[in-house]
Amino acid sequence: MSRVLEIEVALGQLPSQEQWEVDRWLLDALEQGTGCAAEGQRGGSAPALPDYAARRRRIFGDKVLPNRVLVSRSEERW
C-alpha cells in the first residue's frame, strides 16, 4: 500500500475498534516525533533555498532591472 487512497480504503474496511487503535497509534507517534515523517525532518538543518540573485544574473547578466511597482506607481494619477 503506497498510496493514501489505498491506505484510506484499507482503514475503512477495519472494524471500528481497530480503526481507533490505529488513530491512537498515529497520534502517539506524532506527539513523540517518531515515524517516517519525523525521521526525514531530523536532519536538523533547513533545506537550502535557491539562489535567486545568481539565477537572475545568469539570465539577465549585469543589467539593472527596474522595480516595476515603483514605475507603475509613478505613472498613476493620484
PDB file of N, CA and C in Angstrom:
ATOM      1  N   MET A   1       0.850  -1.185   0.000  1.00  0.00           N
ATOM      2  CA  MET A   1       0.000   0.000   0.000  1.00  0.00           C
ATOM      3  C   MET A   1       0.882   1.229   0.000  1.00  0.00           C
ATOM      4  N   SER A   2       0.954   1.887  -1.116  1.00  0.00           N
ATOM      5  CA  SER A   2       1.817   3.043  -1.186  1.00  0.00           C
ATOM      6  C   SER A   2       1.041   4.329  -1.387  1.00  0.00           C
ATOM      7  N   ARG A   3      -0.206   4.228  -1.718  1.00  0.00           N
ATOM      8  CA  ARG A   3      -0.977   5.442  -1.969  1.00  0.00           C
ATOM      9  C   ARG A   3      -1.932   5.710  -0.812  1.00  0.00           C
ATOM     10  N   VAL A   4      -2.184   6.969  -0.585  1.00  0.00           N
ATOM     11  CA  VAL A   4      -3.034   7.369   0.528  1.00  0.00           C
ATOM     12  C   VAL A   4      -4.436   6.801   0.352  1.00  0.00           C
ATOM     13  N   LEU A   5      -4.936   6.791  -0.875  1.00  0.00           N
ATOM     14  CA  LEU A   5      -6.276   6.277  -1.119  1.00  0.00           C
ATOM     15  C   LEU A   5      -6.379   4.794  -0.763  1.00  0.00           C
ATOM     16  N   GLU A   6      -5.345   4.022  -1.112  1.00  0.00           N
ATOM     17  CA  GLU A   6      -5.342   2.599  -0.771  1.00  0.00           C
ATOM     18  C   GLU A   6      -5.329   2.407   0.742  1.00  0.00           C
ATOM     19  N   ILE A   7      -4.555   3.213   1.422  1.00  0.00           N
ATOM     20  CA  ILE A   7      -4.485   3.121   2.887  1.00  0.00           C
ATOM     21  C   ILE A   7      -5.826   3.511   3.500  1.00  0.00           C
ATOM     22  N   GLU A   8      -6.437   4.554   2.963  1.00  0.00           N
ATOM     23  CA  GLU A   8      -7.725   5.009   3.473  1.00  0.00           C
ATOM     24  C   GLU A   8      -8.799   3.940   3.281  1.00  0.00           C
ATOM     25  N   VAL A   9      -8.804   3.284   2.130  1.00  0.00           N
ATOM     26  CA  VAL A   9      -9.771   2.215   1.866  1.00  0.00           C
ATOM     27  C   VAL A   9      -9.527   1.046   2.815  1.00  0.00           C
ATOM     28  N   ALA A  10      -8.258   0.688   3.016  1.00  0.00           N
ATOM     29  CA  ALA A  10      -7.937  -0.419   3.915  1.00  0.00           C
ATOM     30  C   ALA A  10      -8.358  -0.093   5.343  1.00  0.00           C
ATOM     31  N   LEU A  11      -8.152   1.136   5.784  1.00  0.00           N
ATOM     32  CA  LEU A  11      -8.573   1.525   7.132  1.00  0.00           C
ATOM     33  C   LEU A  11     -10.087   1.507   7.258  1.00  0.00           C
ATOM     34  N   GLY A  12     -10.781   1.869   6.182  1.00  0.00           N
ATOM     35  CA  GLY A  12     -12.242   1.851   6.206  1.00  0.00           C
ATOM     36  C   GLY A  12     -12.802   0.450   6.325  1.00  0.00           C
ATOM     37  N   GLN A  13     -12.048  -0.556   5.925  1.00  0.00           N
ATOM     38  CA  GLN A  13     -12.507  -1.933   5.996  1.00  0.00           C
ATOM     39  C   GLN A  13     -12.259  -2.566   7.359  1.00  0.00           C
ATOM     40  N   LEU A  14     -11.483  -1.908   8.205  1.00  0.00           N
ATOM     41  CA  LEU A  14     -11.209  -2.436   9.541  1.00  0.00           C
ATOM     42  C   LEU A  14     -12.418  -2.238  10.449  1.00  0.00           C
ATOM     43  N   PRO A  15     -12.568  -3.090  11.454  1.00  0.00           N
ATOM     44  CA  PRO A  15     -13.604  -2.848  12.468  1.00  0.00           C
ATOM     45  C   PRO A  15     -13.312  -1.535  13.206  1.00  0.00           C
ATOM     46  N   SER A  16     -14.345  -0.923  13.733  1.00  0.00           N
ATOM     47  CA  SER A  16     -14.191   0.397  14.345  1.00  0.00           C
ATOM     48  C   SER A  16     -13.186   0.397  15.503  1.00  0.00           C
ATOM     49  N   GLN A  17     -13.139  -0.691  16.275  1.00  0.00           N
ATOM     50  CA  GLN A  17     -12.182  -0.758  17.387  1.00  0.00           C
ATOM     51  C   GLN A  17     -10.748  -0.690  16.872  1.00  0.00           C
ATOM     52  N   GLU A  18     -10.458  -1.390  15.791  1.00  0.00           N
ATOM     53  CA  GLU A  18      -9.109  -1.372  15.233  1.00  0.00           C
ATOM     54  C   GLU A  18      -8.799  -0.022  14.580  1.00  0.00           C
ATOM     55  N   GLN A  19      -9.816   0.628  14.020  1.00  0.00           N
ATOM     56  CA  GLN A  19      -9.606   1.978  13.480  1.00  0.00           C
ATOM     57  C   GLN A  19      -9.188   2.935  14.586  1.00  0.00           C
ATOM     58  N   TRP A  20      -9.835   2.828  15.757  1.00  0.00           N
ATOM     59  CA  TRP A  20      -9.478   3.676  16.890  1.00  0.00           C
ATOM     60  C   TRP A  20      -8.057   3.400  17.359  1.00  0.00           C
ATOM     61  N   GLU A  21      -7.652   2.129  17.329  1.00  0.00           N
ATOM     62  CA  GLU A  21      -6.292   1.784  17.742  1.00  0.00           C
ATOM     63  C   GLU A  21      -5.253   2.391  16.790  1.00  0.00           C
ATOM     64  N   VAL A  22      -5.561   2.355  15.500  1.00  0.00           N
ATOM     65  CA  VAL A  22      -4.655   2.962  14.518  1.00  0.00           C
ATOM     66  C   VAL A  22      -4.601   4.471  14.742  1.00  0.00           C
ATOM     67  N   ASP A  23      -5.763   5.089  15.001  1.00  0.00           N
ATOM     68  CA  ASP A  23      -5.797   6.534  15.264  1.00  0.00           C
ATOM     69  C   ASP A  23      -4.950   6.893  16.479  1.00  0.00           C
ATOM     70  N   ARG A  24      -5.103   6.126  17.547  1.00  0.00           N
ATOM     71  CA  ARG A  24      -4.317   6.391  18.765  1.00  0.00           C
ATOM     72  C   ARG A  24      -2.821   6.219  18.497  1.00  0.00           C
ATOM     73  N   TRP A  25      -2.480   5.177  17.760  1.00  0.00           N
ATOM     74  CA  TRP A  25      -1.078   4.928  17.435  1.00  0.00           C
ATOM     75  C   TRP A  25      -0.496   6.091  16.629  1.00  0.00           C
ATOM     76  N   LEU A  26      -1.265   6.578  15.633  1.00  0.00           N
ATOM     77  CA  LEU A  26      -0.780   7.706  14.825  1.00  0.00           C
ATOM     78  C   LEU A  26      -0.615   8.962  15.669  1.00  0.00           C
ATOM     79  N   LEU A  27      -1.583   9.246  16.530  1.00  0.00           N
ATOM     80  CA  LEU A  27      -1.480  10.432  17.384  1.00  0.00           C
ATOM     81  C   LEU A  27      -0.284  10.329  18.326  1.00  0.00           C
ATOM     82  N   ASP A  28      -0.080   9.162  18.912  1.00  0.00           N
ATOM     83  CA  ASP A  28       1.080   8.974  19.794  1.00  0.00           C
ATOM     84  C   ASP A  28       2.385   9.163  19.033  1.00  0.00           C
ATOM     85  N   ALA A  29       2.442   8.623  17.813  1.00  0.00           N
ATOM     86  CA  ALA A  29       3.660   8.753  17.009  1.00  0.00           C
ATOM     87  C   ALA A  29       3.927  10.208  16.649  1.00  0.00           C
ATOM     88  N   LEU A  30       2.867  10.950  16.349  1.00  0.00           N
ATOM     89  CA  LEU A  30       3.046  12.367  16.015  1.00  0.00           C
ATOM     90  C   LEU A  30       3.498  13.175  17.234  1.00  0.00           C
ATOM     91  N   GLU A  31       2.922  12.879  18.394  1.00  0.00           N
ATOM     92  CA  GLU A  31       3.305  13.599  19.605  1.00  0.00           C
ATOM     93  C   GLU A  31       4.743  13.309  20.016  1.00  0.00           C
ATOM     94  N   GLN A  32       5.190  12.073  19.815  1.00  0.00           N
ATOM     95  CA  GLN A  32       6.542  11.690  20.204  1.00  0.00           C
ATOM     96  C   GLN A  32       7.569  12.065  19.144  1.00  0.00           C
ATOM     97  N   GLY A  33       7.101  12.398  17.952  1.00  0.00           N
ATOM     98  CA  GLY A  33       8.030  12.755  16.891  1.00  0.00           C
ATOM     99  C   GLY A  33       8.694  11.552  16.268  1.00  0.00           C
ATOM    100  N   THR A  34       8.041  10.410  16.339  1.00  0.00           N
ATOM    101  CA  THR A  34       8.576   9.212  15.704  1.00  0.00           C
ATOM    102  C   THR A  34       7.812   8.944  14.430  1.00  0.00           C
ATOM    103  N   GLY A  35       8.323   8.046  13.640  1.00  0.00           N
ATOM    104  CA  GLY A  35       7.654   7.682  12.405  1.00  0.00           C
ATOM    105  C   GLY A  35       8.450   8.145  11.207  1.00  0.00           C
ATOM    106  N   CYS A  36       7.947   7.834  10.039  1.00  0.00           N
ATOM    107  CA  CYS A  36       8.668   8.118   8.793  1.00  0.00           C
ATOM    108  C   CYS A  36       8.819   9.619   8.557  1.00  0.00           C
ATOM    109  N   ALA A  37       7.761  10.389   8.798  1.00  0.00           N
ATOM    110  CA  ALA A  37       7.838  11.821   8.524  1.00  0.00           C
ATOM    111  C   ALA A  37       8.841  12.505   9.446  1.00  0.00           C
ATOM    112  N   ALA A  38       8.856  12.094  10.703  1.00  0.00           N
ATOM    113  CA  ALA A  38       9.779  12.720  11.653  1.00  0.00           C
ATOM    114  C   ALA A  38      11.223  12.338  11.348  1.00  0.00           C
ATOM    115  N   GLU A  39      11.443  11.136  10.840  1.00  0.00           N
ATOM    116  CA  GLU A  39      12.813  10.722  10.535  1.00  0.00           C
ATOM    117  C   GLU A  39      13.413  11.579   9.439  1.00  0.00           C
ATOM    118  N   GLY A  40      12.601  11.995   8.483  1.00  0.00           N
ATOM    119  CA  GLY A  40      13.102  12.843   7.419  1.00  0.00           C
ATOM    120  C   GLY A  40      13.412  14.250   7.897  1.00  0.00           C
ATOM    121  N   GLN A  41      12.777  14.665   8.979  1.00  0.00           N
ATOM    122  CA  GLN A  41      12.961  16.018   9.488  1.00  0.00           C
ATOM    123  C   GLN A  41      14.073  16.104  10.527  1.00  0.00           C
ATOM    124  N   ARG A  42      14.681  15.012  10.886  1.00  0.00           N
ATOM    125  CA  ARG A  42      15.690  15.017  11.939  1.00  0.00           C
ATOM    126  C   ARG A  42      17.030  15.544  11.476  1.00  0.00           C
ATOM    127  N   GLY A  43      17.151  15.929  10.224  1.00  0.00           N
ATOM    128  CA  GLY A  43      18.417  16.406   9.712  1.00  0.00           C
ATOM    129  C   GLY A  43      18.932  17.609  10.479  1.00  0.00           C
ATOM    130  N   GLY A  44      18.028  18.377  11.050  1.00  0.00           N
ATOM    131  CA  GLY A  44      18.438  19.490  11.868  1.00  0.00           C
ATOM    132  C   GLY A  44      18.619  20.788  11.107  1.00  0.00           C
ATOM    133  N   SER A  45      18.917  20.731   9.831  1.00  0.00           N
ATOM    134  CA  SER A  45      19.101  21.968   9.086  1.00  0.00           C
ATOM    135  C   SER A  45      17.989  22.118   8.058  1.00  0.00           C
ATOM    136  N   ALA A  46      17.653  23.338   7.790  1.00  0.00           N
ATOM    137  CA  ALA A  46      16.619  23.623   6.799  1.00  0.00           C
ATOM    138  C   ALA A  46      17.163  23.330   5.405  1.00  0.00           C
ATOM    139  N   PRO A  47      16.289  23.003   4.478  1.00  0.00           N
ATOM    140  CA  PRO A  47      16.772  22.748   3.120  1.00  0.00           C
ATOM    141  C   PRO A  47      17.347  24.020   2.511  1.00  0.00           C
ATOM    142  N   ALA A  48      18.321  23.847   1.651  1.00  0.00           N
ATOM    143  CA  ALA A  48      18.961  25.001   1.028  1.00  0.00           C
ATOM    144  C   ALA A  48      17.988  25.663   0.044  1.00  0.00           C
ATOM    145  N   LEU A  49      17.864  26.962   0.160  1.00  0.00           N
ATOM    146  CA  LEU A  49      16.990  27.708  -0.741  1.00  0.00           C
ATOM    147  C   LEU A  49      17.750  28.063  -2.014  1.00  0.00           C
ATOM    148  N   PRO A  50      17.031  28.159  -3.131  1.00  0.00           N
ATOM    149  CA  PRO A  50      17.707  28.521  -4.376  1.00  0.00           C
ATOM    150  C   PRO A  50      18.253  29.943  -4.312  1.00  0.00           C
ATOM    151  N   ASP A  51      19.329  30.178  -5.005  1.00  0.00           N
ATOM    152  CA  ASP A  51      19.946  31.500  -5.047  1.00  0.00           C
ATOM    153  C   ASP A  51      19.329  32.272  -6.217  1.00  0.00           C
ATOM    154  N   TYR A  52      18.283  33.054  -5.898  1.00  0.00           N
ATOM    155  CA  TYR A  52      17.559  33.769  -6.938  1.00  0.00           C
ATOM    156  C   TYR A  52      18.402  34.874  -7.567  1.00  0.00           C
ATOM    157  N   ALA A  53      19.264  35.491  -6.791  1.00  0.00           N
ATOM    158  CA  ALA A  53      20.120  36.554  -7.340  1.00  0.00           C
ATOM    159  C   ALA A  53      21.090  35.968  -8.374  1.00  0.00           C
ATOM    160  N   ALA A  54      21.645  34.806  -8.077  1.00  0.00           N
ATOM    161  CA  ALA A  54      22.562  34.172  -9.040  1.00  0.00           C
ATOM    162  C   ALA A  54      21.810  33.764 -10.298  1.00  0.00           C
ATOM    163  N   ARG A  55      20.594  33.291 -10.131  1.00  0.00           N
ATOM    164  CA  ARG A  55      19.793  32.909 -11.303  1.00  0.00           C
ATOM    165  C   ARG A  55      19.486  34.134 -12.163  1.00  0.00           C
ATOM    166  N   ARG A  56      19.115  35.251 -11.513  1.00  0.00           N
ATOM    167  CA  ARG A  56      18.821  36.475 -12.252  1.00  0.00           C
ATOM    168  C   ARG A  56      20.059  36.949 -13.005  1.00  0.00           C
ATOM    169  N   ARG A  57      21.219  36.909 -12.347  1.00  0.00           N
ATOM    170  CA  ARG A  57      22.458  37.322 -13.011  1.00  0.00           C
ATOM    171  C   ARG A  57      22.790  36.411 -14.191  1.00  0.00           C
ATOM    172  N   ARG A  58      22.526  35.115 -14.048  1.00  0.00           N
ATOM    173  CA  ARG A  58      22.801  34.183 -15.122  1.00  0.00           C
ATOM    174  C   ARG A  58      21.887  34.450 -16.326  1.00  0.00           C
ATOM    175  N   ILE A  59      20.642  34.831 -16.075  1.00  0.00           N
ATOM    176  CA  ILE A  59      19.691  35.075 -17.164  1.00  0.00           C
ATOM    177  C   ILE A  59      19.892  36.453 -17.781  1.00  0.00           C
ATOM    178  N   PHE A  60      19.977  37.493 -16.947  1.00  0.00           N
ATOM    179  CA  PHE A  60      19.995  38.863 -17.445  1.00  0.00           C
ATOM    180  C   PHE A  60      21.378  39.503 -17.458  1.00  0.00           C
ATOM    181  N   GLY A  61      22.358  38.869 -16.894  1.00  0.00           N
ATOM    182  CA  GLY A  61      23.685  39.461 -16.842  1.00  0.00           C
ATOM    183  C   GLY A  61      23.744  40.564 -15.795  1.00  0.00           C
ATOM    184  N   ASP A  62      24.456  41.648 -16.098  1.00  0.00           N
ATOM    185  CA  ASP A  62      24.618  42.739 -15.139  1.00  0.00           C
ATOM    186  C   ASP A  62      23.612  43.868 -15.352  1.00  0.00           C
ATOM    187  N   LYS A  63      22.549  43.606 -16.113  1.00  0.00           N
ATOM    188  CA  LYS A  63      21.526  44.633 -16.324  1.00  0.00           C
ATOM    189  C   LYS A  63      20.862  44.970 -14.989  1.00  0.00           C
ATOM    190  N   VAL A  64      20.533  46.231 -14.834  1.00  0.00           N
ATOM    191  CA  VAL A  64      19.788  46.655 -13.655  1.00  0.00           C
ATOM    192  C   VAL A  64      18.323  46.688 -14.055  1.00  0.00           C
ATOM    193  N   LEU A  65      17.536  45.852 -13.415  1.00  0.00           N
ATOM    194  CA  LEU A  65      16.124  45.767 -13.751  1.00  0.00           C
ATOM    195  C   LEU A  65      15.345  46.789 -12.937  1.00  0.00           C
ATOM    196  N   PRO A  66      14.428  47.504 -13.583  1.00  0.00           N
ATOM    197  CA  PRO A  66      13.640  48.490 -12.837  1.00  0.00           C
ATOM    198  C   PRO A  66      12.638  47.804 -11.924  1.00  0.00           C
ATOM    199  N   ASN A  67      12.330  48.461 -10.838  1.00  0.00           N
ATOM    200  CA  ASN A  67      11.313  47.960  -9.927  1.00  0.00           C
ATOM    201  C   ASN A  67       9.968  48.336 -10.534  1.00  0.00           C
ATOM    202  N   ARG A  68       9.265  47.368 -11.080  1.00  0.00           N
ATOM    203  CA  ARG A  68       8.027  47.635 -11.815  1.00  0.00           C
ATOM    204  C   ARG A  68       6.952  48.233 -10.922  1.00  0.00           C
ATOM    205  N   VAL A  69       6.951  47.937  -9.650  1.00  0.00           N
ATOM    206  CA  VAL A  69       5.960  48.505  -8.744  1.00  0.00           C
ATOM    207  C   VAL A  69       6.167  50.010  -8.632  1.00  0.00           C
ATOM    208  N   LEU A  70       7.417  50.430  -8.434  1.00  0.00           N
ATOM    209  CA  LEU A  70       7.695  51.859  -8.309  1.00  0.00           C
ATOM    210  C   LEU A  70       7.402  52.591  -9.614  1.00  0.00           C
ATOM    211  N   VAL A  71       7.722  51.964 -10.739  1.00  0.00           N
ATOM    212  CA  VAL A  71       7.467  52.591 -12.041  1.00  0.00           C
ATOM    213  C   VAL A  71       5.963  52.761 -12.240  1.00  0.00           C
ATOM    214  N   SER A  72       5.181  51.743 -11.950  1.00  0.00           N
ATOM    215  CA  SER A  72       3.724  51.850 -12.155  1.00  0.00           C
ATOM    216  C   SER A  72       3.106  52.857 -11.203  1.00  0.00           C
ATOM    217  N   ARG A  73       3.614  52.956  -9.975  1.00  0.00           N
ATOM    218  CA  ARG A  73       3.094  53.948  -9.030  1.00  0.00           C
ATOM    219  C   ARG A  73       3.410  55.362  -9.496  1.00  0.00           C
ATOM    220  N   SER A  74       4.577  55.563 -10.083  1.00  0.00           N
ATOM    221  CA  SER A  74       4.912  56.906 -10.534  1.00  0.00           C
ATOM    222  C   SER A  74       4.091  57.307 -11.752  1.00  0.00           C
ATOM    223  N   GLU A  75       3.608  56.332 -12.513  1.00  0.00           N
ATOM    224  CA  GLU A  75       2.807  56.640 -13.703  1.00  0.00           C
ATOM    225  C   GLU A  75       1.340  56.826 -13.372  1.00  0.00           C
ATOM    226  N   GLU A  76       0.887  56.398 -12.188  1.00  0.00           N
ATOM    227  CA  GLU A  76      -0.520  56.542 -11.843  1.00  0.00           C
ATOM    228  C   GLU A  76      -0.849  57.963 -11.461  1.00  0.00           C
ATOM    229  N   ARG A  77      -2.106  58.311 -11.715  1.00  0.00           N
ATOM    230  CA  ARG A  77      -2.595  59.621 -11.264  1.00  0.00           C
ATOM    231  C   ARG A  77      -3.236  59.442  -9.913  1.00  0.00           C
ATOM    232  N   TRP A  78      -2.882  60.287  -8.982  1.00  0.00           N
ATOM    233  CA  TRP A  78      -3.470  60.183  -7.649  1.00  0.00           C
ATOM    234  C   TRP A  78      -4.566  61.120  -7.522  1.00  0.00           C
TER     235      TRP A  78
END
